[in-house]
Amino acid sequence: MSYPSHPGPYGQYPGGPNPQYGGQQPMPSGPYGQPGGFGPPPPSGGNKAGVWVGVSIVVVALVAFAITAFVAPGFLVGDSESQRSANHGTAEDFTVRGVAAQDLGDKVAEALKTGKSAAVTPLLCPDATEELKTFADEFREPQDVSYIEVMVGLGGKHEKEGLTTAVRPLSGSAVGRPDIAGEIPTSFTFVRQADGWCWQDLRDIVGYLEDFHDALNAGDLDTLHSMQCSDGSLGLLSDPLADAIALGGTWTMENHSYHVAGADADFVGGDATLDIGVSSSGGQFCVLTGILEK
């Protein structure tokens, strides 16, 4: 006696298709009643459009960043310009309340032409050196100073923000050296303080040579080296200043002369002579040459 076949689990018939569907296996239903598990893939054109939209957004963002960084407000440009200004110095860097350092130089030149202490004194800094105060108090002789060109943004070891120097010749009697005929190169130092530019120091080249003489006799090599010009030409192959100090003894200054570009002097110690050349071309004094002869 035979029995009809029984449906398998979940209503399927073993060994073949379900007769309910006319001998065909049904396709599993996808979402939203579509045949198949996930439906057909989206058209390829949609992916390209999405990529182009993303690229466009990135480009717009980069353009906006470039404008704000380099045009307005220009935060990147502003930083770099400030740094360049600090490294090199510009007219704006040396201006306080709209008055540039050169304006002070012009005022000092005009005051020196008058030969009056009352015209010079108001231009001094409150902390002016004693040398400059003495010069201003005793100033009585008009000077032939057509201009004073300040040196702003000096390079090398002498550079200092808010400080500028100039060298102009003044008469020996005006700088307290009546025994010296003619004019003597004189250094002017102007500084920027809270209330503007002012005149802080004045020294003549004779005093500079005297300072060198004192340091040489004291064996103060550090001071002598600090008086060298920043180009480093002195002592390129040897150090005449160190060699002179090593000899010891007492040195006397002889055969000194002064000219527009600086001064020359011999320092004699025993059988040795140290020949020194001082330059004033950079708006300040510095020892440019040195030759030791034994």
C-alpha atoms as a PDB file:
ATOM      1  CA  MET A   1       0.000   0.000   0.000  1.00  0.00           C
ATOM      2  CA  SER A   2       1.550   3.365  -1.031  1.00  0.00           C
ATOM      3  CA  TYR A   3       1.143   6.776   0.567  1.00  0.00           C
ATOM      4  CA  PRO A   4       1.332  10.157  -1.107  1.00  0.00           C
ATOM      5  CA  SER A   5       4.476  12.206  -0.620  1.00  0.00           C
ATOM      6  CA  HIS A   6       4.428  14.699   2.252  1.00  0.00           C
ATOM      7  CA  PRO A   7       5.644  18.280   1.936  1.00  0.00           C
ATOM      8  CA  GLY A   8       9.071  18.957   3.419  1.00  0.00           C
ATOM      9  CA  PRO A   9       9.831  21.690   5.875  1.00  0.00           C
ATOM     10  CA  TYR A  10       8.500  25.173   5.168  1.00  0.00           C
ATOM     11  CA  GLY A  11       6.006  23.782   2.577  1.00  0.00           C
ATOM     12  CA  GLN A  12       8.666  22.601   0.063  1.00  0.00           C
ATOM     13  CA  TYR A  13       8.443  19.274  -1.680  1.00  0.00           C
ATOM     14  CA  PRO A  14      11.477  17.119  -1.665  1.00  0.00           C
ATOM     15  CA  GLY A  15      12.932  15.991  -4.930  1.00  0.00           C
ATOM     16  CA  GLY A  16      11.555  18.818  -7.193  1.00  0.00           C
ATOM     17  CA  PRO A  17       9.832  22.135  -7.633  1.00  0.00           C
ATOM     18  CA  ASN A  18       6.674  23.079  -5.871  1.00  0.00           C
ATOM     19  CA  PRO A  19       3.702  22.345  -8.087  1.00  0.00           C
ATOM     20  CA  GLN A  20       1.965  25.401  -6.679  1.00  0.00           C
ATOM     21  CA  TYR A  21       4.089  27.582  -8.943  1.00  0.00           C
ATOM     22  CA  GLY A  22       3.673  25.581 -12.062  1.00  0.00           C
ATOM     23  CA  GLY A  23       6.901  23.703 -11.654  1.00  0.00           C
ATOM     24  CA  GLN A  24       9.045  26.874 -11.182  1.00  0.00           C
ATOM     25  CA  GLN A  25      10.955  27.903  -8.103  1.00  0.00           C
ATOM     26  CA  PRO A  26       9.797  31.386  -6.989  1.00  0.00           C
ATOM     27  CA  MET A  27      12.374  34.239  -6.911  1.00  0.00           C
ATOM     28  CA  PRO A  28      12.865  35.571  -3.412  1.00  0.00           C
ATOM     29  CA  SER A  29      11.254  38.930  -2.940  1.00  0.00           C
ATOM     30  CA  GLY A  30      13.527  41.927  -2.404  1.00  0.00           C
ATOM     31  CA  PRO A  31      12.678  45.117  -0.600  1.00  0.00           C
ATOM     32  CA  TYR A  32       9.604  46.994  -1.712  1.00  0.00           C
ATOM     33  CA  GLY A  33       8.309  43.891  -3.499  1.00  0.00           C
ATOM     34  CA  GLN A  34      11.036  43.871  -6.160  1.00  0.00           C
ATOM     35  CA  PRO A  35      12.276  40.526  -7.337  1.00  0.00           C
ATOM     36  CA  GLY A  36      15.757  39.583  -6.208  1.00  0.00           C
ATOM     37  CA  GLY A  37      17.608  40.281  -2.978  1.00  0.00           C
ATOM     38  CA  PHE A  38      18.654  43.919  -3.569  1.00  0.00           C
ATOM     39  CA  GLY A  39      17.463  44.855  -7.015  1.00  0.00           C
ATOM     40  CA  PRO A  40      19.627  45.915  -9.939  1.00  0.00           C
ATOM     41  CA  PRO A  41      22.717  48.156  -9.300  1.00  0.00           C
ATOM     42  CA  PRO A  42      22.211  51.891  -9.784  1.00  0.00           C
ATOM     43  CA  PRO A  43      23.155  53.343 -13.144  1.00  0.00           C
ATOM     44  CA  SER A  44      26.878  54.132 -13.496  1.00  0.00           C
ATOM     45  CA  GLY A  45      26.172  57.757 -14.461  1.00  0.00           C
ATOM     46  CA  GLY A  46      25.020  58.580 -10.924  1.00  0.00           C
ATOM     47  CA  ASN A  47      28.408  57.677  -9.437  1.00  0.00           C
ATOM     48  CA  LYS A  48      30.244  60.068 -11.803  1.00  0.00           C
ATOM     49  CA  ALA A  49      27.887  62.895 -10.985  1.00  0.00           C
ATOM     50  CA  GLY A  50      28.512  62.413  -7.278  1.00  0.00           C
ATOM     51  CA  VAL A  51      32.266  62.470  -7.783  1.00  0.00           C
ATOM     52  CA  TRP A  52      32.113  65.744  -9.743  1.00  0.00           C
ATOM     53  CA  VAL A  53      29.951  67.336  -7.039  1.00  0.00           C
ATOM     54  CA  GLY A  54      32.520  66.354  -4.394  1.00  0.00           C
ATOM     55  CA  VAL A  55      35.408  67.724  -6.454  1.00  0.00           C
ATOM     56  CA  SER A  56      33.564  71.013  -6.987  1.00  0.00           C
ATOM     57  CA  ILE A  57      33.023  71.423  -3.249  1.00  0.00           C
ATOM     58  CA  VAL A  58      36.743  70.855  -2.545  1.00  0.00           C
ATOM     59  CA  VAL A  59      37.768  73.378  -5.235  1.00  0.00           C
ATOM     60  CA  VAL A  60      35.424  76.034  -3.861  1.00  0.00           C
ATOM     61  CA  ALA A  61      36.796  75.466  -0.347  1.00  0.00           C
ATOM     62  CA  LEU A  62      40.395  75.822  -1.549  1.00  0.00           C
ATOM     63  CA  VAL A  63      39.610  79.044  -3.414  1.00  0.00           C
ATOM     64  CA  ALA A  64      37.916  80.492  -0.328  1.00  0.00           C
ATOM     65  CA  PHE A  65      40.922  79.575   1.836  1.00  0.00           C
ATOM     66  CA  ALA A  66      43.345  81.172  -0.613  1.00  0.00           C
ATOM     67  CA  ILE A  67      41.364  84.421  -0.639  1.00  0.00           C
ATOM     68  CA  THR A  68      41.143  84.678   3.140  1.00  0.00           C
ATOM     69  CA  ALA A  69      44.788  83.652   3.619  1.00  0.00           C
ATOM     70  CA  PHE A  70      46.458  85.833   1.024  1.00  0.00           C
ATOM     71  CA  VAL A  71      43.986  88.620   0.142  1.00  0.00           C
ATOM     72  CA  ALA A  72      41.540  89.496   2.901  1.00  0.00           C
ATOM     73  CA  PRO A  73      42.084  89.363   5.779  1.00  0.00           C
ATOM     74  CA  GLY A  74      45.368  87.858   4.545  1.00  0.00           C
ATOM     75  CA  PHE A  75      46.464  86.254   7.787  1.00  0.00           C
ATOM     76  CA  LEU A  76      49.296  84.332   6.131  1.00  0.00           C
ATOM     77  CA  VAL A  77      50.624  87.320   4.221  1.00  0.00           C
ATOM     78  CA  GLY A  78      50.435  89.541   7.287  1.00  0.00           C
ATOM     79  CA  ASP A  79      52.635  87.188   9.318  1.00  0.00           C
ATOM     80  CA  SER A  80      55.283  86.886   6.621  1.00  0.00           C
ATOM     81  CA  GLU A  81      55.378  90.643   6.037  1.00  0.00           C
ATOM     82  CA  SER A  82      55.803  91.265   9.734  1.00  0.00           C
ATOM     83  CA  GLN A  83      58.712  88.834   9.825  1.00  0.00           C
ATOM     84  CA  ARG A  84      60.378  90.405   6.793  1.00  0.00           C
ATOM     85  CA  SER A  85      59.941  93.803   8.377  1.00  0.00           C
ATOM     86  CA  ALA A  86      61.627  92.619  11.620  1.00  0.00           C
ATOM     87  CA  ASN A  87      64.565  91.010   9.723  1.00  0.00           C
ATOM     88  CA  HIS A  88      65.290  93.832   7.216  1.00  0.00           C
ATOM     89  CA  GLY A  89      63.840  97.072   8.623  1.00  0.00           C
ATOM     90  CA  THR A  90      61.655  99.528   6.760  1.00  0.00           C
ATOM     91  CA  ALA A  91      60.785 103.187   7.134  1.00  0.00           C
ATOM     92  CA  GLU A  92      57.593 102.230   8.973  1.00  0.00           C
ATOM     93  CA  ASP A  93      59.557 100.144  11.499  1.00  0.00           C
ATOM     94  CA  PHE A  94      61.514 103.218  12.553  1.00  0.00           C
ATOM     95  CA  THR A  95      58.609 105.646  12.844  1.00  0.00           C
ATOM     96  CA  VAL A  96      56.872 106.768  16.026  1.00  0.00           C
ATOM     97  CA  ARG A  97      53.758 108.950  15.991  1.00  0.00           C
ATOM     98  CA  GLY A  98      54.363 109.770  12.341  1.00  0.00           C
ATOM     99  CA  VAL A  99      57.881 111.133  12.937  1.00  0.00           C
ATOM    100  CA  ALA A 100      60.639 109.086  11.299  1.00  0.00           C
ATOM    101  CA  ALA A 101      64.201 108.766  12.584  1.00  0.00           C
ATOM    102  CA  GLN A 102      65.466 110.800   9.645  1.00  0.00           C
ATOM    103  CA  ASP A 103      63.298 113.703  10.810  1.00  0.00           C
ATOM    104  CA  LEU A 104      65.253 113.741  14.075  1.00  0.00           C
ATOM    105  CA  GLY A 105      68.492 113.756  12.093  1.00  0.00           C
ATOM    106  CA  ASP A 106      67.282 116.811  10.188  1.00  0.00           C
ATOM    107  CA  LYS A 107      66.352 118.567  13.432  1.00  0.00           C
ATOM    108  CA  VAL A 108      69.769 117.861  14.955  1.00  0.00           C
ATOM    109  CA  ALA A 109      71.499 119.244  11.855  1.00  0.00           C
ATOM    110  CA  GLU A 110      69.451 122.442  12.055  1.00  0.00           C
ATOM    111  CA  ALA A 111      70.196 122.779  15.784  1.00  0.00           C
ATOM    112  CA  LEU A 112      73.942 122.378  15.207  1.00  0.00           C
ATOM    113  CA  LYS A 113      73.896 125.179  12.654  1.00  0.00           C
ATOM    114  CA  THR A 114      72.599 127.625  15.273  1.00  0.00           C
ATOM    115  CA  GLY A 115      75.534 127.187  17.658  1.00  0.00           C
ATOM    116  CA  LYS A 116      73.112 127.473  20.579  1.00  0.00           C
ATOM    117  CA  SER A 117      72.847 125.081  23.495  1.00  0.00           C
ATOM    118  CA  ALA A 118      69.137 125.893  23.829  1.00  0.00           C
ATOM    119  CA  ALA A 119      68.512 124.490  20.346  1.00  0.00           C
ATOM    120  CA  VAL A 120      70.350 121.223  21.019  1.00  0.00           C
ATOM    121  CA  THR A 121      69.220 120.346  24.543  1.00  0.00           C
ATOM    122  CA  PRO A 122      65.493 119.665  23.778  1.00  0.00           C
ATOM    123  CA  LEU A 123      66.502 116.907  21.332  1.00  0.00           C
ATOM    124  CA  LEU A 124      68.328 114.826  23.972  1.00  0.00           C
ATOM    125  CA  CYS A 125      66.879 111.660  25.511  1.00  0.00           C
ATOM    126  CA  PRO A 126      66.118 111.725  29.238  1.00  0.00           C
ATOM    127  CA  ASP A 127      68.795 109.036  29.655  1.00  0.00           C
ATOM    128  CA  ALA A 128      71.364 110.666  27.352  1.00  0.00           C
ATOM    129  CA  THR A 129      75.001 109.857  28.080  1.00  0.00           C
ATOM    130  CA  GLU A 130      77.122 112.212  30.162  1.00  0.00           C
ATOM    131  CA  GLU A 131      79.299 112.897  27.116  1.00  0.00           C
ATOM    132  CA  LEU A 132      76.316 114.147  25.143  1.00  0.00           C
ATOM    133  CA  LYS A 133      74.946 116.202  28.056  1.00  0.00           C
ATOM    134  CA  THR A 134      78.323 117.901  28.462  1.00  0.00           C
ATOM    135  CA  PHE A 135      78.464 118.610  24.737  1.00  0.00           C
ATOM    136  CA  ALA A 136      74.968 120.159  24.781  1.00  0.00           C
ATOM    137  CA  ASP A 137      75.689 122.308  27.849  1.00  0.00           C
ATOM    138  CA  GLU A 138      78.926 123.681  26.397  1.00  0.00           C
ATOM    139  CA  PHE A 139      77.826 123.963  22.773  1.00  0.00           C
ATOM    140  CA  ARG A 140      78.488 127.493  21.524  1.00  0.00           C
ATOM    141  CA  GLU A 141      80.023 127.150  18.068  1.00  0.00           C
ATOM    142  CA  PRO A 142      77.843 126.910  14.917  1.00  0.00           C
ATOM    143  CA  GLN A 143      78.680 123.811  12.852  1.00  0.00           C
ATOM    144  CA  ASP A 144      78.662 123.498   9.086  1.00  0.00           C
ATOM    145  CA  VAL A 145      76.343 120.483   9.008  1.00  0.00           C
ATOM    146  CA  SER A 146      74.161 120.432   5.918  1.00  0.00           C
ATOM    147  CA  TYR A 147      72.465 117.137   6.787  1.00  0.00           C
ATOM    148  CA  ILE A 148      72.707 114.048   9.007  1.00  0.00           C
ATOM    149  CA  GLU A 149      71.786 110.875   7.170  1.00  0.00           C
ATOM    150  CA  VAL A 150      70.793 108.251   9.707  1.00  0.00           C
ATOM    151  CA  MET A 151      71.623 104.597   9.137  1.00  0.00           C
ATOM    152  CA  VAL A 152      68.449 102.573   9.725  1.00  0.00           C
ATOM    153  CA  GLY A 153      68.431  98.784   9.921  1.00  0.00           C
ATOM    154  CA  LEU A 154      72.174  98.259  10.204  1.00  0.00           C
ATOM    155  CA  GLY A 155      73.324  94.747   9.428  1.00  0.00           C
ATOM    156  CA  GLY A 156      75.661  92.538  11.415  1.00  0.00           C
ATOM    157  CA  LYS A 157      76.285  92.551  15.134  1.00  0.00           C
ATOM    158  CA  HIS A 158      75.447  96.264  15.551  1.00  0.00           C
ATOM    159  CA  GLU A 159      71.883  95.991  14.338  1.00  0.00           C
ATOM    160  CA  LYS A 160      69.268  96.762  16.942  1.00  0.00           C
ATOM    161  CA  GLU A 161      65.639  97.608  16.414  1.00  0.00           C
ATOM    162  CA  GLY A 162      64.862 101.139  17.487  1.00  0.00           C
ATOM    163  CA  LEU A 163      68.447 102.348  17.247  1.00  0.00           C
ATOM    164  CA  THR A 164      70.120 104.258  14.429  1.00  0.00           C
ATOM    165  CA  THR A 165      73.486 105.942  13.993  1.00  0.00           C
ATOM    166  CA  ALA A 166      75.154 108.556  11.823  1.00  0.00           C
ATOM    167  CA  VAL A 167      78.647 110.013  11.461  1.00  0.00           C
ATOM    168  CA  ARG A 168      79.327 113.654  10.616  1.00  0.00           C
ATOM    169  CA  PRO A 169      82.454 115.789  11.179  1.00  0.00           C
ATOM    170  CA  LEU A 170      82.369 118.443  13.904  1.00  0.00           C
ATOM    171  CA  SER A 171      85.058 120.906  14.861  1.00  0.00           C
ATOM    172  CA  GLY A 172      87.548 119.859  17.512  1.00  0.00           C
ATOM    173  CA  SER A 173      86.596 122.757  19.773  1.00  0.00           C
ATOM    174  CA  ALA A 174      82.894 121.834  19.599  1.00  0.00           C
ATOM    175  CA  VAL A 175      83.547 118.317  20.892  1.00  0.00           C
ATOM    176  CA  GLY A 176      85.826 119.523  23.665  1.00  0.00           C
ATOM    177  CA  ARG A 177      89.151 119.077  21.868  1.00  0.00           C
ATOM    178  CA  PRO A 178      90.370 122.601  21.104  1.00  0.00           C
ATOM    179  CA  ASP A 179      93.936 121.330  20.656  1.00  0.00           C
ATOM    180  CA  ILE A 180      92.895 119.503  17.473  1.00  0.00           C
ATOM    181  CA  ALA A 181      92.601 121.756  14.436  1.00  0.00           C
ATOM    182  CA  GLY A 182      90.031 120.995  11.798  1.00  0.00           C
ATOM    183  CA  GLU A 183      87.065 118.673  11.954  1.00  0.00           C
ATOM    184  CA  ILE A 184      86.787 115.306  13.678  1.00  0.00           C
ATOM    185  CA  PRO A 185      84.462 112.456  12.603  1.00  0.00           C
ATOM    186  CA  THR A 186      81.725 112.298  15.230  1.00  0.00           C
ATOM    187  CA  SER A 187      79.160 109.555  15.791  1.00  0.00           C
ATOM    188  CA  PHE A 188      75.517 110.332  16.608  1.00  0.00           C
ATOM    189  CA  THR A 189      73.243 107.726  18.191  1.00  0.00           C
ATOM    190  CA  PHE A 190      69.454 108.119  18.037  1.00  0.00           C
ATOM    191  CA  VAL A 191      67.040 105.773  19.811  1.00  0.00           C
ATOM    192  CA  ARG A 192      63.307 105.207  19.757  1.00  0.00           C
ATOM    193  CA  GLN A 193      61.625 105.516  23.119  1.00  0.00           C
ATOM    194  CA  ALA A 194      58.002 105.492  24.253  1.00  0.00           C
ATOM    195  CA  ASP A 195      57.375 109.114  23.321  1.00  0.00           C
ATOM    196  CA  GLY A 196      59.355 109.112  20.059  1.00  0.00           C
ATOM    197  CA  TRP A 197      62.894 109.400  18.728  1.00  0.00           C
ATOM    198  CA  CYS A 198      65.580 111.230  20.714  1.00  0.00           C
ATOM    199  CA  TRP A 199      69.327 111.843  20.706  1.00  0.00           C
ATOM    200  CA  GLN A 200      71.093 109.518  23.152  1.00  0.00           C
ATOM    201  CA  ASP A 201      74.840 109.601  22.561  1.00  0.00           C
ATOM    202  CA  LEU A 202      77.660 111.468  20.829  1.00  0.00           C
ATOM    203  CA  ARG A 203      81.297 110.472  20.629  1.00  0.00           C
ATOM    204  CA  ASP A 204      84.192 111.538  18.459  1.00  0.00           C
ATOM    205  CA  ILE A 205      86.735 109.244  16.840  1.00  0.00           C
ATOM    206  CA  VAL A 206      89.539 110.499  19.110  1.00  0.00           C
ATOM    207  CA  GLY A 207      87.649 109.155  22.118  1.00  0.00           C
ATOM    208  CA  TYR A 208      87.112 105.883  20.259  1.00  0.00           C
ATOM    209  CA  LEU A 209      90.879 105.480  19.774  1.00  0.00           C
ATOM    210  CA  GLU A 210      91.413 106.294  23.434  1.00  0.00           C
ATOM    211  CA  ASP A 211      89.000 103.495  24.390  1.00  0.00           C
ATOM    212  CA  PHE A 212      90.945 101.115  22.148  1.00  0.00           C
ATOM    213  CA  HIS A 213      94.199 102.230  23.782  1.00  0.00           C
ATOM    214  CA  ASP A 214      92.819 101.579  27.274  1.00  0.00           C
ATOM    215  CA  ALA A 215      91.579  98.091  26.343  1.00  0.00           C
ATOM    216  CA  LEU A 216      94.914  97.224  24.732  1.00  0.00           C
ATOM    217  CA  ASN A 217      96.905  98.203  27.833  1.00  0.00           C
ATOM    218  CA  ALA A 218      94.419  96.372  30.066  1.00  0.00           C
ATOM    219  CA  GLY A 219      94.807  93.178  28.008  1.00  0.00           C
ATOM    220  CA  ASP A 220      91.031  93.161  27.408  1.00  0.00           C
ATOM    221  CA  LEU A 221      90.830  91.086  24.234  1.00  0.00           C
ATOM    222  CA  ASP A 222      87.022  90.763  24.391  1.00  0.00           C
ATOM    223  CA  THR A 223      86.603  94.541  24.249  1.00  0.00           C
ATOM    224  CA  LEU A 224      89.079  94.820  21.390  1.00  0.00           C
ATOM    225  CA  HIS A 225      87.232  92.135  19.429  1.00  0.00           C
ATOM    226  CA  SER A 226      83.914  93.892  20.047  1.00  0.00           C
ATOM    227  CA  MET A 227      85.382  96.998  18.401  1.00  0.00           C
ATOM    228  CA  GLN A 228      86.168  95.163  15.158  1.00  0.00           C
ATOM    229  CA  CYS A 229      84.070  95.736  12.047  1.00  0.00           C
ATOM    230  CA  SER A 230      81.438  93.079  11.428  1.00  0.00           C
ATOM    231  CA  ASP A 231      82.856  91.964   8.062  1.00  0.00           C
ATOM    232  CA  GLY A 232      85.487  89.943   9.901  1.00  0.00           C
ATOM    233  CA  SER A 233      88.341  91.011   7.620  1.00  0.00           C
ATOM    234  CA  LEU A 234      90.638  91.822  10.538  1.00  0.00           C
ATOM    235  CA  GLY A 235      92.531  88.752  11.699  1.00  0.00           C
ATOM    236  CA  LEU A 236      91.396  86.566   8.807  1.00  0.00           C
ATOM    237  CA  LEU A 237      94.674  84.663   8.769  1.00  0.00           C
ATOM    238  CA  SER A 238      95.953  85.713  12.199  1.00  0.00           C
ATOM    239  CA  ASP A 239      94.793  87.784  15.156  1.00  0.00           C
ATOM    240  CA  PRO A 240      97.030  90.863  15.528  1.00  0.00           C
ATOM    241  CA  LEU A 241      95.072  92.036  18.565  1.00  0.00           C
ATOM    242  CA  ALA A 242      95.658  88.782  20.443  1.00  0.00           C
ATOM    243  CA  ASP A 243      99.305  88.749  19.349  1.00  0.00           C
ATOM    244  CA  ALA A 244      99.777  92.303  20.650  1.00  0.00           C
ATOM    245  CA  ILE A 245      98.300  91.457  24.033  1.00  0.00           C
ATOM    246  CA  ALA A 246     100.481  88.355  24.251  1.00  0.00           C
ATOM    247  CA  LEU A 247     103.557  90.592  23.999  1.00  0.00           C
ATOM    248  CA  GLY A 248     102.545  92.412  27.183  1.00  0.00           C
ATOM    249  CA  GLY A 249     104.099  95.705  28.137  1.00  0.00           C
ATOM    250  CA  THR A 250     102.709  99.211  27.843  1.00  0.00           C
ATOM    251  CA  TRP A 251     101.467 100.678  24.579  1.00  0.00           C
ATOM    252  CA  THR A 252     101.452 104.337  23.576  1.00  0.00           C
ATOM    253  CA  MET A 253      99.386 105.916  20.791  1.00  0.00           C
ATOM    254  CA  GLU A 254     101.385 107.753  18.133  1.00  0.00           C
ATOM    255  CA  ASN A 255     101.027 109.111  14.601  1.00  0.00           C
ATOM    256  CA  HIS A 256      97.244 109.363  14.722  1.00  0.00           C
ATOM    257  CA  SER A 257      95.371 111.147  11.953  1.00  0.00           C
ATOM    258  CA  TYR A 258      91.700 111.769  11.193  1.00  0.00           C
ATOM    259  CA  HIS A 259      89.889 111.956   7.871  1.00  0.00           C
ATOM    260  CA  VAL A 260      86.388 111.756   6.442  1.00  0.00           C
ATOM    261  CA  ALA A 261      86.381 107.954   6.244  1.00  0.00           C
ATOM    262  CA  GLY A 262      87.818 107.398   9.735  1.00  0.00           C
ATOM    263  CA  ALA A 263      91.213 107.468  11.406  1.00  0.00           C
ATOM    264  CA  ASP A 264      94.635 105.787  11.561  1.00  0.00           C
ATOM    265  CA  ALA A 265      96.895 105.341  14.555  1.00  0.00           C
ATOM    266  CA  ASP A 266     100.030 103.491  15.652  1.00  0.00           C
ATOM    267  CA  PHE A 267     100.258 101.816  19.048  1.00  0.00           C
ATOM    268  CA  VAL A 268     103.855 101.282  20.019  1.00  0.00           C
ATOM    269  CA  GLY A 269     104.886  98.791  22.685  1.00  0.00           C
ATOM    270  CA  GLY A 270     108.580  98.005  23.067  1.00  0.00           C
ATOM    271  CA  ASP A 271     109.924  96.924  19.689  1.00  0.00           C
ATOM    272  CA  ALA A 272     106.453  96.203  18.256  1.00  0.00           C
ATOM    273  CA  THR A 273     103.998  98.498  16.504  1.00  0.00           C
ATOM    274  CA  LEU A 274     100.293  97.810  16.059  1.00  0.00           C
ATOM    275  CA  ASP A 275      98.953  99.830  13.122  1.00  0.00           C
ATOM    276  CA  ILE A 276      95.173 100.341  13.402  1.00  0.00           C
ATOM    277  CA  GLY A 277      92.707 101.697  10.854  1.00  0.00           C
ATOM    278  CA  VAL A 278      89.261 102.826  12.037  1.00  0.00           C
ATOM    279  CA  SER A 279      86.324 103.099   9.637  1.00  0.00           C
ATOM    280  CA  SER A 280      83.312 105.387   9.977  1.00  0.00           C
ATOM    281  CA  SER A 281      81.617 104.549   6.668  1.00  0.00           C
ATOM    282  CA  GLY A 282      78.780 102.506   8.199  1.00  0.00           C
ATOM    283  CA  GLY A 283      77.420 105.243  10.435  1.00  0.00           C
ATOM    284  CA  GLN A 284      79.529 104.040  13.343  1.00  0.00           C
ATOM    285  CA  PHE A 285      83.173 103.488  14.269  1.00  0.00           C
ATOM    286  CA  CYS A 286      84.843 100.095  14.022  1.00  0.00           C
ATOM    287  CA  VAL A 287      88.386  98.757  13.684  1.00  0.00           C
ATOM    288  CA  LEU A 288      88.774  97.778  10.044  1.00  0.00           C
ATOM    289  CA  THR A 289      92.496  96.952   9.750  1.00  0.00           C
ATOM    290  CA  GLY A 290      95.237  95.859  12.116  1.00  0.00           C
ATOM    291  CA  ILE A 291      98.855  95.010  11.363  1.00  0.00           C
ATOM    292  CA  LEU A 292     101.371  94.010  14.015  1.00  0.00           C
ATOM    293  CA  GLU A 293     105.011  94.648  13.152  1.00  0.00           C
ATOM    294  CA  LYS A 294     107.768  93.333  15.404  1.00  0.00           C
END
